[in-house]
Amino acid sequence: MNRPEPLTDRYRPLKSSISETPVLVIDTEADPLEILDAARQRIRAASDLLETLYCLCFKQADASDIPNIVNALYLLTQDGNELLDIARQRLPKLTG
């Protein structure tokens, strides 16, 4: 399992950004529950999009739509996973 990077900077740029200067960042000091909510929102949107695509008939679909759909799914899942990694690091460790 990949270990998340330690939290060294308050504002962590999203890996999905293609710019050299980060414009979208995660506030690593935000409330972990709010970070989890943001992750859930993105992962739920990706899941809903996949469910919609599963139910659609692709006979009318245009081939140029595929890269757009893949890009949207990538952004949503990549950002959601990064948010989950940070929330996981922020939540208190439970001892058994």
PDB file of N, CA and C in Angstrom:
ATOM      1  N   MET A   1       0.835  -1.174   0.000  1.00  0.00           N
ATOM      2  CA  MET A   1       0.000   0.000   0.000  1.00  0.00           C
ATOM      3  C   MET A   1       0.883   1.241   0.000  1.00  0.00           C
ATOM      4  N   ASN A   2       0.527   2.227  -0.830  1.00  0.00           N
ATOM      5  CA  ASN A   2       1.296   3.469  -0.880  1.00  0.00           C
ATOM      6  C   ASN A   2       1.048   4.294   0.369  1.00  0.00           C
ATOM      7  N   ARG A   3       2.127   4.805   0.937  1.00  0.00           N
ATOM      8  CA  ARG A   3       1.974   5.677   2.090  1.00  0.00           C
ATOM      9  C   ARG A   3       1.854   7.113   1.616  1.00  0.00           C
ATOM     10  N   PRO A   4       0.912   7.883   2.179  1.00  0.00           N
ATOM     11  CA  PRO A   4       0.801   9.276   1.779  1.00  0.00           C
ATOM     12  C   PRO A   4       2.012  10.065   2.253  1.00  0.00           C
ATOM     13  N   GLU A   5       2.309  11.131   1.526  1.00  0.00           N
ATOM     14  CA  GLU A   5       3.422  11.981   1.907  1.00  0.00           C
ATOM     15  C   GLU A   5       3.096  12.658   3.235  1.00  0.00           C
ATOM     16  N   PRO A   6       4.101  12.899   4.096  1.00  0.00           N
ATOM     17  CA  PRO A   6       3.820  13.602   5.351  1.00  0.00           C
ATOM     18  C   PRO A   6       3.364  15.027   5.063  1.00  0.00           C
ATOM     19  N   LEU A   7       2.522  15.543   5.949  1.00  0.00           N
ATOM     20  CA  LEU A   7       2.018  16.899   5.774  1.00  0.00           C
ATOM     21  C   LEU A   7       3.101  17.898   6.192  1.00  0.00           C
ATOM     22  N   THR A   8       3.751  18.499   5.218  1.00  0.00           N
ATOM     23  CA  THR A   8       4.801  19.464   5.529  1.00  0.00           C
ATOM     24  C   THR A   8       4.372  20.878   5.200  1.00  0.00           C
ATOM     25  N   ASP A   9       3.527  21.052   4.217  1.00  0.00           N
ATOM     26  CA  ASP A   9       3.057  22.367   3.831  1.00  0.00           C
ATOM     27  C   ASP A   9       1.567  22.450   4.094  1.00  0.00           C
ATOM     28  N   ARG A  10       1.126  23.632   4.529  1.00  0.00           N
ATOM     29  CA  ARG A  10      -0.303  23.784   4.804  1.00  0.00           C
ATOM     30  C   ARG A  10      -1.136  23.621   3.537  1.00  0.00           C
ATOM     31  N   TYR A  11      -0.706  24.213   2.456  1.00  0.00           N
ATOM     32  CA  TYR A  11      -1.474  24.167   1.213  1.00  0.00           C
ATOM     33  C   TYR A  11      -0.803  23.219   0.227  1.00  0.00           C
ATOM     34  N   ARG A  12      -1.448  22.086  -0.010  1.00  0.00           N
ATOM     35  CA  ARG A  12      -0.908  21.063  -0.905  1.00  0.00           C
ATOM     36  C   ARG A  12      -1.559  21.197  -2.276  1.00  0.00           C
ATOM     37  N   PRO A  13      -0.753  21.423  -3.327  1.00  0.00           N
ATOM     38  CA  PRO A  13      -1.345  21.526  -4.671  1.00  0.00           C
ATOM     39  C   PRO A  13      -1.924  20.189  -5.121  1.00  0.00           C
ATOM     40  N   LEU A  14      -3.013  20.268  -5.848  1.00  0.00           N
ATOM     41  CA  LEU A  14      -3.617  19.055  -6.400  1.00  0.00           C
ATOM     42  C   LEU A  14      -2.749  18.520  -7.535  1.00  0.00           C
ATOM     43  N   LYS A  15      -2.564  17.221  -7.574  1.00  0.00           N
ATOM     44  CA  LYS A  15      -1.742  16.603  -8.625  1.00  0.00           C
ATOM     45  C   LYS A  15      -2.414  16.666  -9.986  1.00  0.00           C
ATOM     46  N   SER A  16      -3.721  16.862 -10.000  1.00  0.00           N
ATOM     47  CA  SER A  16      -4.445  16.898 -11.270  1.00  0.00           C
ATOM     48  C   SER A  16      -4.238  18.216 -12.015  1.00  0.00           C
ATOM     49  N   SER A  17      -3.621  19.182 -11.376  1.00  0.00           N
ATOM     50  CA  SER A  17      -3.380  20.480 -12.015  1.00  0.00           C
ATOM     51  C   SER A  17      -2.290  20.351 -13.072  1.00  0.00           C
ATOM     52  N   ILE A  18      -2.503  21.001 -14.213  1.00  0.00           N
ATOM     53  CA  ILE A  18      -1.510  20.929 -15.282  1.00  0.00           C
ATOM     54  C   ILE A  18      -0.648  22.189 -15.347  1.00  0.00           C
ATOM     55  N   SER A  19      -0.951  23.181 -14.506  1.00  0.00           N
ATOM     56  CA  SER A  19      -0.180  24.424 -14.542  1.00  0.00           C
ATOM     57  C   SER A  19       1.086  24.293 -13.695  1.00  0.00           C
ATOM     58  N   GLU A  20       2.076  25.106 -14.031  1.00  0.00           N
ATOM     59  CA  GLU A  20       3.321  25.096 -13.262  1.00  0.00           C
ATOM     60  C   GLU A  20       3.140  25.764 -11.911  1.00  0.00           C
ATOM     61  N   THR A  21       2.262  26.753 -11.848  1.00  0.00           N
ATOM     62  CA  THR A  21       1.959  27.433 -10.596  1.00  0.00           C
ATOM     63  C   THR A  21       0.656  26.872 -10.059  1.00  0.00           C
ATOM     64  N   PRO A  22       0.670  26.273  -8.872  1.00  0.00           N
ATOM     65  CA  PRO A  22      -0.555  25.668  -8.343  1.00  0.00           C
ATOM     66  C   PRO A  22      -1.643  26.715  -8.121  1.00  0.00           C
ATOM     67  N   VAL A  23      -2.819  26.444  -8.649  1.00  0.00           N
ATOM     68  CA  VAL A  23      -3.945  27.338  -8.428  1.00  0.00           C
ATOM     69  C   VAL A  23      -5.038  26.656  -7.605  1.00  0.00           C
ATOM     70  N   LEU A  24      -5.069  25.333  -7.615  1.00  0.00           N
ATOM     71  CA  LEU A  24      -6.000  24.577  -6.784  1.00  0.00           C
ATOM     72  C   LEU A  24      -5.195  23.824  -5.741  1.00  0.00           C
ATOM     73  N   VAL A  25      -5.517  24.083  -4.480  1.00  0.00           N
ATOM     74  CA  VAL A  25      -4.765  23.481  -3.384  1.00  0.00           C
ATOM     75  C   VAL A  25      -5.720  22.931  -2.337  1.00  0.00           C
ATOM     76  N   ILE A  26      -5.198  22.055  -1.497  1.00  0.00           N
ATOM     77  CA  ILE A  26      -5.937  21.527  -0.354  1.00  0.00           C
ATOM     78  C   ILE A  26      -5.335  22.153   0.899  1.00  0.00           C
ATOM     79  N   ASP A  27      -6.186  22.720   1.736  1.00  0.00           N
ATOM     80  CA  ASP A  27      -5.744  23.252   3.023  1.00  0.00           C
ATOM     81  C   ASP A  27      -5.613  22.066   3.975  1.00  0.00           C
ATOM     82  N   THR A  28      -4.392  21.641   4.213  1.00  0.00           N
ATOM     83  CA  THR A  28      -4.160  20.446   5.027  1.00  0.00           C
ATOM     84  C   THR A  28      -4.500  20.660   6.498  1.00  0.00           C
ATOM     85  N   GLU A  29      -4.742  21.910   6.892  1.00  0.00           N
ATOM     86  CA  GLU A  29      -5.108  22.195   8.275  1.00  0.00           C
ATOM     87  C   GLU A  29      -6.614  22.393   8.443  1.00  0.00           C
ATOM     88  N   ALA A  30      -7.376  22.182   7.372  1.00  0.00           N
ATOM     89  CA  ALA A  30      -8.833  22.281   7.461  1.00  0.00           C
ATOM     90  C   ALA A  30      -9.360  21.143   8.331  1.00  0.00           C
ATOM     91  N   ASP A  31     -10.581  21.293   8.804  1.00  0.00           N
ATOM     92  CA  ASP A  31     -11.229  20.257   9.601  1.00  0.00           C
ATOM     93  C   ASP A  31     -11.244  18.956   8.785  1.00  0.00           C
ATOM     94  N   PRO A  32     -10.728  17.862   9.342  1.00  0.00           N
ATOM     95  CA  PRO A  32     -10.691  16.591   8.603  1.00  0.00           C
ATOM     96  C   PRO A  32     -12.059  16.140   8.093  1.00  0.00           C
ATOM     97  N   LEU A  33     -13.116  16.440   8.840  1.00  0.00           N
ATOM     98  CA  LEU A  33     -14.451  16.047   8.380  1.00  0.00           C
ATOM     99  C   LEU A  33     -14.859  16.839   7.144  1.00  0.00           C
ATOM    100  N   GLU A  34     -14.454  18.098   7.056  1.00  0.00           N
ATOM    101  CA  GLU A  34     -14.739  18.880   5.853  1.00  0.00           C
ATOM    102  C   GLU A  34     -13.922  18.366   4.666  1.00  0.00           C
ATOM    103  N   ILE A  35     -12.691  17.934   4.932  1.00  0.00           N
ATOM    104  CA  ILE A  35     -11.872  17.343   3.866  1.00  0.00           C
ATOM    105  C   ILE A  35     -12.524  16.057   3.379  1.00  0.00           C
ATOM    106  N   LEU A  36     -13.025  15.241   4.315  1.00  0.00           N
ATOM    107  CA  LEU A  36     -13.723  14.009   3.939  1.00  0.00           C
ATOM    108  C   LEU A  36     -14.984  14.304   3.127  1.00  0.00           C
ATOM    109  N   ASP A  37     -15.721  15.352   3.507  1.00  0.00           N
ATOM    110  CA  ASP A  37     -16.915  15.732   2.757  1.00  0.00           C
ATOM    111  C   ASP A  37     -16.560  16.118   1.320  1.00  0.00           C
ATOM    112  N   ALA A  38     -15.469  16.862   1.152  1.00  0.00           N
ATOM    113  CA  ALA A  38     -15.033  17.257  -0.197  1.00  0.00           C
ATOM    114  C   ALA A  38     -14.629  16.026  -1.008  1.00  0.00           C
ATOM    115  N   ALA A  39     -13.941  15.079  -0.368  1.00  0.00           N
ATOM    116  CA  ALA A  39     -13.550  13.843  -1.049  1.00  0.00           C
ATOM    117  C   ALA A  39     -14.791  13.051  -1.453  1.00  0.00           C
ATOM    118  N   ARG A  40     -15.727  12.925  -0.539  1.00  0.00           N
ATOM    119  CA  ARG A  40     -16.953  12.174  -0.818  1.00  0.00           C
ATOM    120  C   ARG A  40     -17.719  12.806  -1.971  1.00  0.00           C
ATOM    121  N   GLN A  41     -17.783  14.120  -2.005  1.00  0.00           N
ATOM    122  CA  GLN A  41     -18.496  14.820  -3.075  1.00  0.00           C
ATOM    123  C   GLN A  41     -17.907  14.474  -4.435  1.00  0.00           C
ATOM    124  N   ARG A  42     -16.583  14.464  -4.542  1.00  0.00           N
ATOM    125  CA  ARG A  42     -15.932  14.179  -5.817  1.00  0.00           C
ATOM    126  C   ARG A  42     -16.070  12.711  -6.213  1.00  0.00           C
ATOM    127  N   ILE A  43     -15.887  11.831  -5.251  1.00  0.00           N
ATOM    128  CA  ILE A  43     -15.987  10.404  -5.553  1.00  0.00           C
ATOM    129  C   ILE A  43     -17.432  10.033  -5.888  1.00  0.00           C
ATOM    130  N   ARG A  44     -18.396  10.643  -5.203  1.00  0.00           N
ATOM    131  CA  ARG A  44     -19.811  10.396  -5.504  1.00  0.00           C
ATOM    132  C   ARG A  44     -20.143  10.899  -6.916  1.00  0.00           C
ATOM    133  N   ALA A  45     -19.636  12.064  -7.299  1.00  0.00           N
ATOM    134  CA  ALA A  45     -19.895  12.596  -8.645  1.00  0.00           C
ATOM    135  C   ALA A  45     -19.330  11.665  -9.708  1.00  0.00           C
ATOM    136  N   ALA A  46     -18.123  11.139  -9.473  1.00  0.00           N
ATOM    137  CA  ALA A  46     -17.520  10.202 -10.421  1.00  0.00           C
ATOM    138  C   ALA A  46     -18.350   8.919 -10.492  1.00  0.00           C
ATOM    139  N   SER A  47     -18.790   8.426  -9.355  1.00  0.00           N
ATOM    140  CA  SER A  47     -19.607   7.218  -9.317  1.00  0.00           C
ATOM    141  C   SER A  47     -20.937   7.429 -10.035  1.00  0.00           C
ATOM    142  N   ASP A  48     -21.565   8.584  -9.809  1.00  0.00           N
ATOM    143  CA  ASP A  48     -22.830   8.879 -10.488  1.00  0.00           C
ATOM    144  C   ASP A  48     -22.641   8.962 -11.998  1.00  0.00           C
ATOM    145  N   LEU A  49     -21.540   9.571 -12.439  1.00  0.00           N
ATOM    146  CA  LEU A  49     -21.257   9.657 -13.863  1.00  0.00           C
ATOM    147  C   LEU A  49     -21.058   8.260 -14.463  1.00  0.00           C
ATOM    148  N   LEU A  50     -20.320   7.410 -13.770  1.00  0.00           N
ATOM    149  CA  LEU A  50     -20.121   6.040 -14.252  1.00  0.00           C
ATOM    150  C   LEU A  50     -21.446   5.277 -14.321  1.00  0.00           C
ATOM    151  N   GLU A  51     -22.302   5.474 -13.328  1.00  0.00           N
ATOM    152  CA  GLU A  51     -23.601   4.799 -13.342  1.00  0.00           C
ATOM    153  C   GLU A  51     -24.448   5.280 -14.522  1.00  0.00           C
ATOM    154  N   THR A  52     -24.425   6.580 -14.782  1.00  0.00           N
ATOM    155  CA  THR A  52     -25.153   7.127 -15.917  1.00  0.00           C
ATOM    156  C   THR A  52     -24.637   6.531 -17.220  1.00  0.00           C
ATOM    157  N   LEU A  53     -23.324   6.475 -17.362  1.00  0.00           N
ATOM    158  CA  LEU A  53     -22.732   5.922 -18.583  1.00  0.00           C
ATOM    159  C   LEU A  53     -23.085   4.446 -18.752  1.00  0.00           C
ATOM    160  N   TYR A  54     -23.129   3.722 -17.654  1.00  0.00           N
ATOM    161  CA  TYR A  54     -23.478   2.297 -17.689  1.00  0.00           C
ATOM    162  C   TYR A  54     -24.899   2.104 -18.228  1.00  0.00           C
ATOM    163  N   CYS A  55     -25.790   3.031 -17.897  1.00  0.00           N
ATOM    164  CA  CYS A  55     -27.199   2.906 -18.275  1.00  0.00           C
ATOM    165  C   CYS A  55     -27.515   3.477 -19.658  1.00  0.00           C
ATOM    166  N   LEU A  56     -26.605   4.219 -20.246  1.00  0.00           N
ATOM    167  CA  LEU A  56     -26.870   4.870 -21.525  1.00  0.00           C
ATOM    168  C   LEU A  56     -26.673   3.939 -22.714  1.00  0.00           C
ATOM    169  N   CYS A  57     -27.337   4.268 -23.761  1.00  0.00           N
ATOM    170  CA  CYS A  57     -27.109   3.607 -25.038  1.00  0.00           C
ATOM    171  C   CYS A  57     -26.076   4.435 -25.793  1.00  0.00           C
ATOM    172  N   PHE A  58     -25.001   3.836 -26.222  1.00  0.00           N
ATOM    173  CA  PHE A  58     -23.904   4.568 -26.850  1.00  0.00           C
ATOM    174  C   PHE A  58     -24.050   4.699 -28.369  1.00  0.00           C
ATOM    175  N   LYS A  59     -25.178   4.310 -28.927  1.00  0.00           N
ATOM    176  CA  LYS A  59     -25.353   4.398 -30.370  1.00  0.00           C
ATOM    177  C   LYS A  59     -25.329   5.849 -30.851  1.00  0.00           C
ATOM    178  N   GLN A  60     -25.813   6.775 -30.022  1.00  0.00           N
ATOM    179  CA  GLN A  60     -25.829   8.180 -30.411  1.00  0.00           C
ATOM    180  C   GLN A  60     -24.590   8.937 -29.909  1.00  0.00           C
ATOM    181  N   ALA A  61     -23.737   8.281 -29.175  1.00  0.00           N
ATOM    182  CA  ALA A  61     -22.564   8.951 -28.608  1.00  0.00           C
ATOM    183  C   ALA A  61     -21.546   9.290 -29.696  1.00  0.00           C
ATOM    184  N   ASP A  62     -20.850  10.367 -29.477  1.00  0.00           N
ATOM    185  CA  ASP A  62     -19.803  10.794 -30.398  1.00  0.00           C
ATOM    186  C   ASP A  62     -18.456  10.363 -29.812  1.00  0.00           C
ATOM    187  N   ALA A  63     -17.555   9.912 -30.663  1.00  0.00           N
ATOM    188  CA  ALA A  63     -16.241   9.449 -30.193  1.00  0.00           C
ATOM    189  C   ALA A  63     -15.472  10.552 -29.475  1.00  0.00           C
ATOM    190  N   SER A  64     -15.727  11.806 -29.823  1.00  0.00           N
ATOM    191  CA  SER A  64     -15.008  12.899 -29.164  1.00  0.00           C
ATOM    192  C   SER A  64     -15.454  13.088 -27.716  1.00  0.00           C
ATOM    193  N   ASP A  65     -16.569  12.485 -27.316  1.00  0.00           N
ATOM    194  CA  ASP A  65     -17.034  12.589 -25.933  1.00  0.00           C
ATOM    195  C   ASP A  65     -16.185  11.752 -24.983  1.00  0.00           C
ATOM    196  N   ILE A  66     -15.589  10.693 -25.479  1.00  0.00           N
ATOM    197  CA  ILE A  66     -14.855   9.765 -24.613  1.00  0.00           C
ATOM    198  C   ILE A  66     -13.704  10.449 -23.872  1.00  0.00           C
ATOM    199  N   PRO A  67     -12.824  11.219 -24.542  1.00  0.00           N
ATOM    200  CA  PRO A  67     -11.756  11.894 -23.788  1.00  0.00           C
ATOM    201  C   PRO A  67     -12.306  12.878 -22.754  1.00  0.00           C
ATOM    202  N   ASN A  68     -13.427  13.525 -23.050  1.00  0.00           N
ATOM    203  CA  ASN A  68     -14.019  14.458 -22.088  1.00  0.00           C
ATOM    204  C   ASN A  68     -14.517  13.734 -20.846  1.00  0.00           C
ATOM    205  N   ILE A  69     -15.132  12.595 -21.059  1.00  0.00           N
ATOM    206  CA  ILE A  69     -15.642  11.800 -19.938  1.00  0.00           C
ATOM    207  C   ILE A  69     -14.484  11.264 -19.107  1.00  0.00           C
ATOM    208  N   VAL A  70     -13.472  10.737 -19.775  1.00  0.00           N
ATOM    209  CA  VAL A  70     -12.309  10.199 -19.061  1.00  0.00           C
ATOM    210  C   VAL A  70     -11.628  11.294 -18.255  1.00  0.00           C
ATOM    211  N   ASN A  71     -11.485  12.491 -18.836  1.00  0.00           N
ATOM    212  CA  ASN A  71     -10.843  13.600 -18.131  1.00  0.00           C
ATOM    213  C   ASN A  71     -11.647  13.987 -16.884  1.00  0.00           C
ATOM    214  N   ALA A  72     -12.968  14.061 -17.011  1.00  0.00           N
ATOM    215  CA  ALA A  72     -13.804  14.407 -15.857  1.00  0.00           C
ATOM    216  C   ALA A  72     -13.672  13.355 -14.760  1.00  0.00           C
ATOM    217  N   LEU A  73     -13.693  12.085 -15.151  1.00  0.00           N
ATOM    218  CA  LEU A  73     -13.549  11.016 -14.156  1.00  0.00           C
ATOM    219  C   LEU A  73     -12.172  11.049 -13.496  1.00  0.00           C
ATOM    220  N   TYR A  74     -11.131  11.331 -14.279  1.00  0.00           N
ATOM    221  CA  TYR A  74      -9.783  11.428 -13.718  1.00  0.00           C
ATOM    222  C   TYR A  74      -9.709  12.551 -12.683  1.00  0.00           C
ATOM    223  N   LEU A  75     -10.180  13.742 -13.057  1.00  0.00           N
ATOM    224  CA  LEU A  75     -10.106  14.878 -12.129  1.00  0.00           C
ATOM    225  C   LEU A  75     -10.862  14.596 -10.835  1.00  0.00           C
ATOM    226  N   LEU A  76     -12.056  14.064 -10.952  1.00  0.00           N
ATOM    227  CA  LEU A  76     -12.863  13.794  -9.765  1.00  0.00           C
ATOM    228  C   LEU A  76     -12.227  12.744  -8.861  1.00  0.00           C
ATOM    229  N   THR A  77     -11.758  11.641  -9.441  1.00  0.00           N
ATOM    230  CA  THR A  77     -11.193  10.580  -8.612  1.00  0.00           C
ATOM    231  C   THR A  77      -9.814  10.945  -8.075  1.00  0.00           C
ATOM    232  N   GLN A  78      -8.987  11.617  -8.860  1.00  0.00           N
ATOM    233  CA  GLN A  78      -7.657  12.013  -8.392  1.00  0.00           C
ATOM    234  C   GLN A  78      -7.779  13.000  -7.233  1.00  0.00           C
ATOM    235  N   ASP A  79      -8.610  14.017  -7.400  1.00  0.00           N
ATOM    236  CA  ASP A  79      -8.798  14.992  -6.324  1.00  0.00           C
ATOM    237  C   ASP A  79      -9.407  14.328  -5.092  1.00  0.00           C
ATOM    238  N   GLY A  80     -10.392  13.461  -5.295  1.00  0.00           N
ATOM    239  CA  GLY A  80     -11.006  12.762  -4.168  1.00  0.00           C
ATOM    240  C   GLY A  80     -10.013  11.902  -3.410  1.00  0.00           C
ATOM    241  N   ASN A  81      -9.145  11.205  -4.137  1.00  0.00           N
ATOM    242  CA  ASN A  81      -8.137  10.372  -3.473  1.00  0.00           C
ATOM    243  C   ASN A  81      -7.130  11.205  -2.701  1.00  0.00           C
ATOM    244  N   GLU A  82      -6.714  12.335  -3.258  1.00  0.00           N
ATOM    245  CA  GLU A  82      -5.781  13.206  -2.535  1.00  0.00           C
ATOM    246  C   GLU A  82      -6.421  13.749  -1.257  1.00  0.00           C
ATOM    247  N   LEU A  83      -7.692  14.127  -1.348  1.00  0.00           N
ATOM    248  CA  LEU A  83      -8.398  14.601  -0.160  1.00  0.00           C
ATOM    249  C   LEU A  83      -8.495  13.495   0.893  1.00  0.00           C
ATOM    250  N   LEU A  84      -8.773  12.274   0.469  1.00  0.00           N
ATOM    251  CA  LEU A  84      -8.828  11.149   1.406  1.00  0.00           C
ATOM    252  C   LEU A  84      -7.483  10.914   2.087  1.00  0.00           C
ATOM    253  N   ASP A  85      -6.392  11.013   1.331  1.00  0.00           N
ATOM    254  CA  ASP A  85      -5.058  10.829   1.912  1.00  0.00           C
ATOM    255  C   ASP A  85      -4.790  11.849   3.010  1.00  0.00           C
ATOM    256  N   ILE A  86      -5.146  13.093   2.756  1.00  0.00           N
ATOM    257  CA  ILE A  86      -4.901  14.138   3.747  1.00  0.00           C
ATOM    258  C   ILE A  86      -5.806  13.959   4.956  1.00  0.00           C
ATOM    259  N   ALA A  87      -7.069  13.647   4.727  1.00  0.00           N
ATOM    260  CA  ALA A  87      -7.989  13.425   5.845  1.00  0.00           C
ATOM    261  C   ALA A  87      -7.516  12.262   6.704  1.00  0.00           C
ATOM    262  N   ARG A  88      -7.033  11.232   6.062  1.00  0.00           N
ATOM    263  CA  ARG A  88      -6.543  10.057   6.805  1.00  0.00           C
ATOM    264  C   ARG A  88      -5.380  10.426   7.709  1.00  0.00           C
ATOM    265  N   GLN A  89      -4.503  11.295   7.234  1.00  0.00           N
ATOM    266  CA  GLN A  89      -3.365  11.728   8.043  1.00  0.00           C
ATOM    267  C   GLN A  89      -3.807  12.628   9.190  1.00  0.00           C
ATOM    268  N   ARG A  90      -4.891  13.356   8.997  1.00  0.00           N
ATOM    269  CA  ARG A  90      -5.345  14.309  10.001  1.00  0.00           C
ATOM    270  C   ARG A  90      -6.203  13.693  11.094  1.00  0.00           C
ATOM    271  N   LEU A  91      -6.920  12.608  10.782  1.00  0.00           N
ATOM    272  CA  LEU A  91      -7.791  12.007  11.766  1.00  0.00           C
ATOM    273  C   LEU A  91      -6.968  11.366  12.887  1.00  0.00           C
ATOM    274  N   PRO A  92      -7.488  11.434  14.099  1.00  0.00           N
ATOM    275  CA  PRO A  92      -6.731  10.854  15.218  1.00  0.00           C
ATOM    276  C   PRO A  92      -6.573   9.346  15.032  1.00  0.00           C
ATOM    277  N   LYS A  93      -5.424   8.870  15.432  1.00  0.00           N
ATOM    278  CA  LYS A  93      -5.143   7.435  15.339  1.00  0.00           C
ATOM    279  C   LYS A  93      -5.962   6.714  16.415  1.00  0.00           C
ATOM    280  N   LEU A  94      -6.664   5.662  15.989  1.00  0.00           N
ATOM    281  CA  LEU A  94      -7.441   4.864  16.933  1.00  0.00           C
ATOM    282  C   LEU A  94      -6.578   3.709  17.408  1.00  0.00           C
ATOM    283  N   THR A  95      -6.505   3.533  18.709  1.00  0.00           N
ATOM    284  CA  THR A  95      -5.720   2.431  19.259  1.00  0.00           C
ATOM    285  C   THR A  95      -6.678   1.336  19.696  1.00  0.00           C
ATOM    286  N   GLY A  96      -6.288   0.118  19.434  1.00  0.00           N
ATOM    287  CA  GLY A  96      -7.184  -1.006  19.719  1.00  0.00           C
ATOM    288  C   GLY A  96      -6.930  -1.679  20.973  1.00  0.00           C
TER     289      GLY A  96
END
